[in-house]
Amino acid sequence: MTDFVLVAGAWLGAWAWDEVAAELRAVGDQARPVTLSGLAEKEGVPAELQTHVQDVVHEVERLDLRDVVLVGHSYAGIPVGQAAERIGNRLGHVVYVDAGVPFDGDSFLSGWPSDHVRRSIAENHGFWPLEAEEFAGQELTNEQIARIASGGTPHPGATLTEPAVLKGSPGDLPATYIKCLLDGDEPAPSVAELLEGERWELVEMDTGHWPMFSRPRELARILHESGSGRGA
């Protein structure tokens, strides 16, 4: 049995993991989806990047989890990667699901053409509104896109623009990087460099950027296998 703490990316809350969590529990794992401050049922709660890091750390410590697998999707890789360093020997593994990876001094928006996101945040009172066009061509049905659009909430902009704070490299911790191929054939160069190290492995999924909706059973299998130490 493995404890998974599951954190979805921008706009999404714990609800995004419903199907994956059910699949993990069916094979005996513990799935603990987390909603980050300012999103979903926590909409309106003030949030900066370190608030989101602490959200993850608090969940691990509150439940006294050991050998825990932290899973960060998309934006959530940034707070999850920092939390992984901070929980010390409670960590078993990190899984980045087509995610940003934190580097000290860089933000989620660093290293990719993100001026449009910064403009959107400035024009929307410090929040990044959900952009439905992001979901086109990502192996999502119209019903799934509608579900995301109705359940999503504007994302606190400060969490996207503030720099990560790390003492070491994310490559110091054991990790699996899941690359969703419809969102680009290869990981970012900084991630590719980490994958050259002995502690990181790459798993590819032939789906879009939101595999918890498009391929929940396959994603759950990969998570289960990463947690059990057998790879994928």
Protein backbone atom coordinates (compact mmCIF):
# COMPACT_ATOMS: atom_id res chain seq x y z
CA MET A 1 0.00 0.00 0.00
CA THR A 2 1.31 3.42 -1.00
CA ASP A 3 0.17 6.84 0.18
CA PHE A 4 -0.28 9.28 -2.70
CA VAL A 5 -0.80 13.02 -2.26
CA LEU A 6 -2.28 14.25 -5.54
CA VAL A 7 -2.15 17.91 -6.58
CA ALA A 8 -3.69 19.16 -9.83
CA GLY A 9 -2.50 22.09 -11.89
CA ALA A 10 -3.86 25.57 -12.57
CA TRP A 11 -7.60 26.19 -12.13
CA LEU A 12 -8.28 22.74 -10.65
CA GLY A 13 -9.00 21.34 -7.21
CA ALA A 14 -8.95 17.92 -5.56
CA TRP A 15 -12.04 16.97 -7.57
CA ALA A 16 -9.89 16.61 -10.70
CA TRP A 17 -8.45 13.37 -9.28
CA ASP A 18 -11.76 11.60 -8.60
CA GLU A 19 -11.33 8.88 -11.22
CA VAL A 20 -7.60 8.35 -10.63
CA ALA A 21 -8.12 8.21 -6.87
CA ALA A 22 -10.81 5.57 -7.29
CA GLU A 23 -8.49 3.44 -9.42
CA LEU A 24 -5.65 3.73 -6.88
CA ARG A 25 -7.92 2.78 -4.00
CA ALA A 26 -9.17 -0.21 -5.95
CA VAL A 27 -5.65 -1.70 -5.90
CA GLY A 28 -5.13 -0.96 -2.20
CA ASP A 29 -3.34 2.38 -2.29
CA GLN A 30 -4.28 5.48 -0.33
CA ALA A 31 -5.12 8.47 -2.56
CA ARG A 32 -5.24 11.87 -0.90
CA PRO A 33 -6.14 14.63 -3.37
CA VAL A 34 -5.35 18.16 -2.17
CA THR A 35 -7.00 21.43 -3.15
CA LEU A 36 -4.55 24.32 -3.09
CA SER A 37 -5.48 27.60 -1.43
CA GLY A 38 -7.51 29.95 -3.62
CA LEU A 39 -8.97 27.20 -5.80
CA ALA A 40 -12.22 25.17 -5.92
CA GLU A 41 -13.72 24.93 -2.41
CA LYS A 42 -10.86 27.15 -1.15
CA GLU A 43 -11.66 29.94 -3.63
CA GLY A 44 -11.14 33.32 -1.99
CA VAL A 45 -8.37 32.14 0.34
CA PRO A 46 -5.32 34.38 -0.26
CA ALA A 47 -2.48 32.43 -1.85
CA GLU A 48 1.13 32.98 -2.80
CA LEU A 49 3.51 30.31 -4.05
CA GLN A 50 4.77 29.43 -0.58
CA THR A 51 1.16 29.11 0.58
CA HIS A 52 0.77 26.30 -1.96
CA VAL A 53 4.01 24.67 -0.85
CA GLN A 54 2.77 24.73 2.72
CA ASP A 55 -0.60 23.30 1.67
CA VAL A 56 1.22 20.15 0.52
CA VAL A 57 3.61 19.98 3.48
CA HIS A 58 0.71 20.44 5.91
CA GLU A 59 -1.22 17.54 4.38
CA VAL A 60 1.77 15.20 4.75
CA GLU A 61 2.44 16.28 8.32
CA ARG A 62 -1.23 16.38 9.38
CA LEU A 63 -1.69 12.77 8.33
CA ASP A 64 1.79 11.76 9.55
CA LEU A 65 2.53 10.17 6.18
CA ARG A 66 5.75 8.21 5.62
CA ASP A 67 7.29 7.03 2.36
CA VAL A 68 4.73 9.24 0.63
CA VAL A 69 4.53 9.76 -3.12
CA LEU A 70 3.88 13.39 -4.02
CA VAL A 71 2.21 13.87 -7.40
CA GLY A 72 2.17 17.27 -9.10
CA HIS A 73 0.39 17.95 -12.37
CA SER A 74 1.30 20.91 -14.60
CA TYR A 75 1.70 24.05 -12.41
CA ALA A 76 1.48 21.94 -9.25
CA GLY A 77 4.91 20.48 -9.95
CA ILE A 78 6.33 23.78 -8.73
CA PRO A 79 4.91 23.65 -5.17
CA VAL A 80 5.10 19.85 -5.01
CA GLY A 81 8.80 19.82 -5.90
CA GLN A 82 9.53 22.32 -3.14
CA ALA A 83 7.39 20.42 -0.65
CA ALA A 84 9.26 17.22 -1.51
CA GLU A 85 12.50 18.81 -0.32
CA ARG A 86 10.91 20.14 2.86
CA ILE A 87 9.31 16.94 4.11
CA GLY A 88 12.72 15.26 4.32
CA ASN A 89 12.68 11.57 5.15
CA ARG A 90 8.89 11.37 4.84
CA LEU A 91 9.33 11.36 1.06
CA GLY A 92 9.28 8.17 -0.95
CA HIS A 93 9.04 9.47 -4.51
CA VAL A 94 7.94 12.46 -6.60
CA VAL A 95 5.87 12.15 -9.77
CA TYR A 96 5.65 15.10 -12.14
CA VAL A 97 2.67 14.73 -14.49
CA ASP A 98 3.53 16.81 -17.57
CA ALA A 99 4.54 19.36 -14.97
CA GLY A 100 6.72 22.30 -14.23
CA VAL A 101 9.78 21.40 -12.18
CA PRO A 102 11.03 23.96 -9.62
CA PHE A 103 14.47 25.47 -9.76
CA ASP A 104 15.63 27.92 -7.12
CA GLY A 105 14.89 31.49 -8.21
CA ASP A 106 12.65 30.54 -11.15
CA SER A 107 8.87 30.79 -11.32
CA PHE A 108 6.36 28.59 -13.11
CA LEU A 109 6.33 31.16 -15.93
CA SER A 110 10.12 31.17 -16.34
CA GLY A 111 11.60 29.54 -19.42
CA TRP A 112 8.58 29.45 -21.77
CA PRO A 113 6.68 32.07 -23.79
CA SER A 114 4.30 33.26 -21.06
CA ASP A 115 3.77 36.96 -21.75
CA HIS A 116 0.13 36.24 -22.57
CA VAL A 117 -0.36 34.72 -19.12
CA ARG A 118 1.22 37.72 -17.42
CA ARG A 119 -1.04 40.06 -19.40
CA SER A 120 -4.09 38.01 -18.49
CA ILE A 121 -3.19 38.15 -14.79
CA ALA A 122 -2.71 41.92 -14.98
CA GLU A 123 -6.05 42.36 -16.77
CA ASN A 124 -7.98 40.12 -14.35
CA HIS A 125 -7.16 41.62 -10.96
CA GLY A 126 -4.27 39.27 -10.21
CA PHE A 127 -5.88 36.02 -11.37
CA TRP A 128 -5.38 33.80 -14.42
CA PRO A 129 -8.86 32.93 -15.70
CA LEU A 130 -9.50 29.49 -17.12
CA GLU A 131 -8.89 29.51 -20.88
CA ALA A 132 -11.08 26.91 -22.57
CA GLU A 133 -9.00 26.94 -25.76
CA GLU A 134 -6.16 25.32 -23.79
CA PHE A 135 -8.11 22.05 -23.79
CA ALA A 136 -8.52 21.64 -27.56
CA GLY A 137 -6.55 18.81 -29.18
CA GLN A 138 -5.77 17.15 -25.85
CA GLU A 139 -7.88 13.97 -26.20
CA LEU A 140 -10.69 15.39 -24.11
CA THR A 141 -14.36 14.92 -24.93
CA ASN A 142 -16.71 17.87 -25.06
CA GLU A 143 -18.24 16.60 -21.82
CA GLN A 144 -14.85 16.50 -20.12
CA ILE A 145 -14.01 20.01 -21.28
CA ALA A 146 -17.38 21.22 -20.00
CA ARG A 147 -16.71 19.56 -16.65
CA ILE A 148 -13.32 21.27 -16.36
CA ALA A 149 -14.76 24.63 -17.38
CA SER A 150 -17.60 24.39 -14.86
CA GLY A 151 -15.41 23.12 -12.02
CA GLY A 152 -12.37 25.29 -12.64
CA THR A 153 -11.66 28.54 -10.80
CA PRO A 154 -9.43 31.52 -11.63
CA HIS A 155 -5.88 30.78 -10.53
CA PRO A 156 -4.06 33.13 -8.09
CA GLY A 157 -1.51 34.91 -10.27
CA ALA A 158 1.17 35.39 -7.61
CA THR A 159 1.69 31.63 -7.39
CA LEU A 160 2.68 31.61 -11.06
CA THR A 161 5.08 34.55 -10.98
CA GLU A 162 6.88 34.14 -7.65
CA PRO A 163 10.24 32.30 -7.61
CA ALA A 164 10.72 28.85 -6.16
CA VAL A 165 12.90 28.46 -3.07
CA LEU A 166 15.08 25.35 -2.97
CA LYS A 167 18.26 24.44 -1.14
CA GLY A 168 19.24 21.73 -3.59
CA SER A 169 18.39 20.46 -7.05
CA PRO A 170 15.16 18.60 -7.87
CA GLY A 171 17.49 15.98 -9.31
CA ASP A 172 18.58 15.11 -5.77
CA LEU A 173 15.24 13.40 -5.09
CA PRO A 174 13.89 10.21 -6.73
CA ALA A 175 11.31 11.13 -9.36
CA THR A 176 9.28 9.95 -12.31
CA TYR A 177 8.47 12.43 -15.07
CA ILE A 178 5.35 11.63 -17.09
CA LYS A 179 5.44 13.28 -20.52
CA CYS A 180 2.09 13.62 -22.27
CA LEU A 181 2.93 13.48 -25.95
CA LEU A 182 0.00 15.46 -27.34
CA ASP A 183 1.37 18.42 -25.38
CA GLY A 184 4.81 18.17 -27.00
CA ASP A 185 7.04 15.25 -27.95
CA GLU A 186 9.83 15.88 -25.45
CA PRO A 187 10.31 17.32 -21.96
CA ALA A 188 11.75 20.80 -21.56
CA PRO A 189 15.57 20.94 -21.81
CA SER A 190 15.92 21.50 -18.05
CA VAL A 191 13.85 18.37 -17.39
CA ALA A 192 15.74 16.36 -20.01
CA GLU A 193 18.95 17.18 -18.16
CA LEU A 194 17.49 15.89 -14.89
CA LEU A 195 16.41 12.70 -16.65
CA GLU A 196 20.05 11.97 -17.41
CA GLY A 197 20.63 11.49 -13.70
CA GLU A 198 20.30 8.16 -11.92
CA ARG A 199 17.35 9.15 -9.73
CA TRP A 200 14.90 10.20 -12.46
CA GLU A 201 12.94 8.13 -14.95
CA LEU A 202 10.78 9.09 -17.93
CA VAL A 203 7.37 7.61 -18.71
CA GLU A 204 5.47 8.65 -21.84
CA MET A 205 1.69 8.76 -22.23
CA ASP A 206 0.13 9.07 -25.66
CA THR A 207 -2.47 11.55 -24.51
CA GLY A 208 -2.94 15.23 -23.73
CA HIS A 209 -1.96 17.47 -20.87
CA TRP A 210 -4.83 16.40 -18.58
CA PRO A 211 -4.44 12.60 -18.33
CA MET A 212 -6.46 12.43 -15.11
CA PHE A 213 -9.46 13.07 -17.37
CA SER A 214 -8.40 11.52 -20.68
CA ARG A 215 -6.61 8.39 -19.38
CA PRO A 216 -7.35 7.99 -15.64
CA ARG A 217 -6.88 4.21 -15.54
CA GLU A 218 -3.53 4.34 -17.34
CA LEU A 219 -2.33 7.21 -15.19
CA ALA A 220 -3.34 5.36 -12.02
CA ARG A 221 -1.41 2.30 -13.18
CA ILE A 222 1.72 4.35 -13.77
CA LEU A 223 1.38 6.01 -10.37
CA HIS A 224 0.85 2.68 -8.64
CA GLU A 225 3.91 1.19 -10.29
CA SER A 226 6.08 4.20 -9.48
CA GLY A 227 4.96 3.99 -5.87
CA SER A 228 5.72 0.30 -5.62
CA GLY A 229 9.24 0.87 -6.94
CA ARG A 230 8.80 -1.24 -10.05
CA GLY A 231 8.84 1.62 -12.56
CA ALA A 232 6.35 1.72 -15.40
